[in-house]
Protein backbone atom coordinates (compact mmCIF):
# COMPACT_ATOMS: atom_id res chain seq x y z
CA UNK A 1 81.53 93.90 166.32
CA UNK A 2 84.72 91.69 166.81
CA UNK A 3 82.54 88.58 166.62
CA UNK A 4 81.14 90.22 163.42
CA UNK A 5 84.57 90.73 161.91
CA UNK A 6 85.77 87.00 162.37
CA UNK A 7 82.67 85.83 160.95
CA UNK A 8 83.25 87.89 157.71
CA UNK A 9 87.09 86.77 157.91
CA UNK A 10 86.46 83.63 158.10
CA UNK A 11 83.81 83.62 155.04
CA UNK A 12 86.04 85.67 153.02
CA UNK A 13 89.18 83.06 153.82
CA UNK A 14 86.47 80.33 152.80
CA UNK A 15 86.14 81.66 149.33
CA UNK A 16 88.99 82.03 148.78
CA UNK A 17 90.24 78.62 146.82
CA UNK A 18 94.01 78.43 146.25
CA UNK A 19 94.94 76.65 143.47
CA UNK A 20 97.73 74.21 143.01
CA UNK A 21 99.65 73.46 139.90
CA UNK A 22 100.63 70.20 138.81
CA UNK A 23 103.51 69.46 136.04
CA UNK A 24 103.69 66.40 133.99
CA UNK A 25 105.82 65.17 130.85
CA UNK A 26 103.59 62.93 128.86
CA UNK A 27 104.45 60.73 125.79
CA UNK A 28 102.36 58.76 123.39
CA UNK A 29 100.80 58.79 120.00
CA UNK A 30 98.17 59.95 117.31
CA UNK A 31 95.57 57.07 117.11
CA UNK A 32 93.42 56.37 113.99
CA UNK A 33 90.36 58.32 114.04
CA UNK A 34 87.44 59.29 111.57
CA UNK A 35 87.95 62.96 110.26
CA UNK A 36 84.93 63.74 111.74
CA UNK A 37 86.18 62.96 115.43
CA UNK A 38 89.08 64.98 115.11
CA UNK A 39 92.89 64.13 116.11
CA UNK A 40 92.59 61.63 118.53
CA UNK A 41 96.11 61.00 120.97
CA UNK A 42 96.80 58.75 123.65
CA UNK A 43 99.53 59.95 125.93
CA UNK A 44 101.17 58.65 129.19
CA UNK A 45 101.83 60.98 132.04
CA UNK A 46 104.21 60.88 134.50
CA UNK A 47 105.18 63.32 137.17
CA UNK A 48 102.60 65.20 139.84
CA UNK A 49 99.93 63.28 138.18
CA UNK A 50 100.78 60.29 136.66
CA UNK A 51 98.23 58.44 134.60
CA UNK A 52 96.69 58.22 130.76
CA UNK A 53 95.19 61.09 128.77
CA UNK A 54 92.80 60.77 126.30
CA UNK A 55 92.87 64.07 123.96
CA UNK A 56 90.80 64.70 120.79
CA UNK A 57 91.40 67.63 119.21
CA UNK A 58 89.32 69.50 116.70
CA UNK A 59 90.62 71.83 113.95
CA UNK A 60 90.41 74.37 111.37
CA UNK A 61 93.54 74.09 109.12
CA UNK A 62 96.63 74.10 111.94
CA UNK A 63 94.25 76.08 114.67
CA UNK A 64 92.68 73.92 117.62
CA UNK A 65 89.23 74.99 117.93
CA UNK A 66 88.05 72.73 120.01
CA UNK A 67 88.11 68.94 121.49
CA UNK A 68 87.95 66.65 124.88
CA UNK A 69 90.56 65.95 127.17
CA UNK A 70 90.49 63.21 130.07
CA UNK A 71 93.22 62.28 132.54
CA UNK A 72 92.85 59.13 134.44
CA UNK A 73 94.92 59.44 137.44
CA UNK A 74 97.01 56.55 138.77
CA UNK A 75 98.96 56.02 141.82
CA UNK A 76 102.77 57.13 141.75
CA UNK A 77 104.54 54.25 140.51
CA UNK A 78 101.44 52.41 139.59
CA UNK A 79 101.51 48.77 138.06
CA UNK A 80 98.77 46.48 136.57
CA UNK A 81 96.87 45.56 139.63
CA UNK A 82 96.65 49.41 140.74
CA UNK A 83 93.51 51.24 140.74
CA UNK A 84 93.11 54.60 139.57
CA UNK A 85 92.74 57.44 141.93
CA UNK A 86 90.11 59.62 140.11
CA UNK A 87 89.62 61.17 136.64
CA UNK A 88 89.88 64.93 135.59
CA UNK A 89 87.95 65.67 132.39
CA UNK A 90 87.81 68.94 130.57
CA UNK A 91 87.26 70.86 127.44
CA UNK A 92 90.05 72.00 124.65
CA UNK A 93 89.78 75.65 124.19
CA UNK A 94 92.78 76.39 121.39
CA UNK A 95 95.95 75.77 120.29
CA UNK A 96 97.96 75.43 117.15
CA UNK A 97 99.51 72.50 115.42
CA UNK A 98 102.30 71.24 112.97
CA UNK A 99 101.23 68.48 110.74
CA UNK A 100 104.01 66.26 108.96
CA UNK A 101 104.05 65.38 104.94
CA UNK A 102 101.26 62.39 106.24
CA UNK A 103 98.79 64.53 107.44
CA UNK A 104 99.78 63.30 111.28
CA UNK A 105 100.90 65.76 114.42
CA UNK A 106 104.32 66.88 114.73
CA UNK A 107 103.54 69.21 117.44
CA UNK A 108 101.02 70.92 119.00
CA UNK A 109 101.73 74.57 120.77
CA UNK A 110 99.96 75.96 123.63
CA UNK A 111 96.92 73.48 123.86
CA UNK A 112 94.54 75.00 126.16
CA UNK A 113 92.38 73.04 128.45
CA UNK A 114 89.49 74.26 130.27
CA UNK A 115 88.99 71.42 133.14
CA UNK A 116 85.48 70.95 134.29
CA UNK A 117 85.18 67.85 136.59
CA UNK A 118 86.83 65.40 138.43
CA UNK A 119 86.01 62.06 140.07
CA UNK A 120 87.44 59.84 142.99
CA UNK A 121 90.31 61.60 144.75
CA UNK A 122 89.30 64.78 142.35
CA UNK A 123 85.75 64.61 142.93
CA UNK A 124 85.39 68.44 144.44
CA UNK A 125 87.36 69.77 141.56
CA UNK A 126 85.10 71.66 139.42
CA UNK A 127 86.98 74.36 137.10
CA UNK A 128 90.89 74.50 136.30
CA UNK A 129 93.08 75.07 133.35
CA UNK A 130 95.73 73.32 131.67
CA UNK A 131 98.18 73.54 128.73
CA UNK A 132 99.61 71.14 126.72
CA UNK A 133 102.56 71.32 124.45
CA UNK A 134 103.82 68.01 122.03
CA UNK A 135 106.71 67.57 119.46
CA UNK A 136 107.82 64.59 117.68
CA UNK A 137 110.51 62.63 118.72
CA UNK A 138 112.97 63.47 116.31
CA UNK A 139 114.42 59.41 115.97
CA UNK A 140 110.70 58.19 115.80
CA UNK A 141 108.42 61.14 114.30
CA UNK A 142 105.44 58.86 115.37
CA UNK A 143 106.03 59.29 118.82
CA UNK A 144 105.42 62.76 120.60
CA UNK A 145 106.58 63.79 124.20
CA UNK A 146 106.12 66.79 125.78
CA UNK A 147 104.19 68.78 129.17
CA UNK A 148 101.03 69.04 130.39
CA UNK A 149 100.91 71.80 133.19
CA UNK A 150 97.66 71.69 135.21
CA UNK A 151 96.12 74.40 137.60
CA UNK A 152 93.24 73.46 139.79
């Protein structure tokens, strides 16, 4: 009976996967994209998972209805000769936008990301979530800054 209990406990412990949280500060801008492709953002991340984010947002009015997300993770203090550590890929599932008079993003709130896969150091990632919040820089409204909080 002790062996059965030990086996069962090992199985239960192995089935419980602890998720870790990662916090990044992001900055970047909206890039030109055909309307049918949605709103495209290129963002640089610093913090727990430094790298480059490529975000495409689909919208209905000011509601985010879908899109794609990719984070190319680089080593801490990466330079031009650094190799990427891996990629995280996901889909956008919701959020809200504010647009300025020119029709470009001035803020994005609670943009929900479902992380679906990873490569390289993150090849074992098959599920997770993230939340992106952005606002326009008061001194340079074309520049967006904010936070990206990931859990996987």
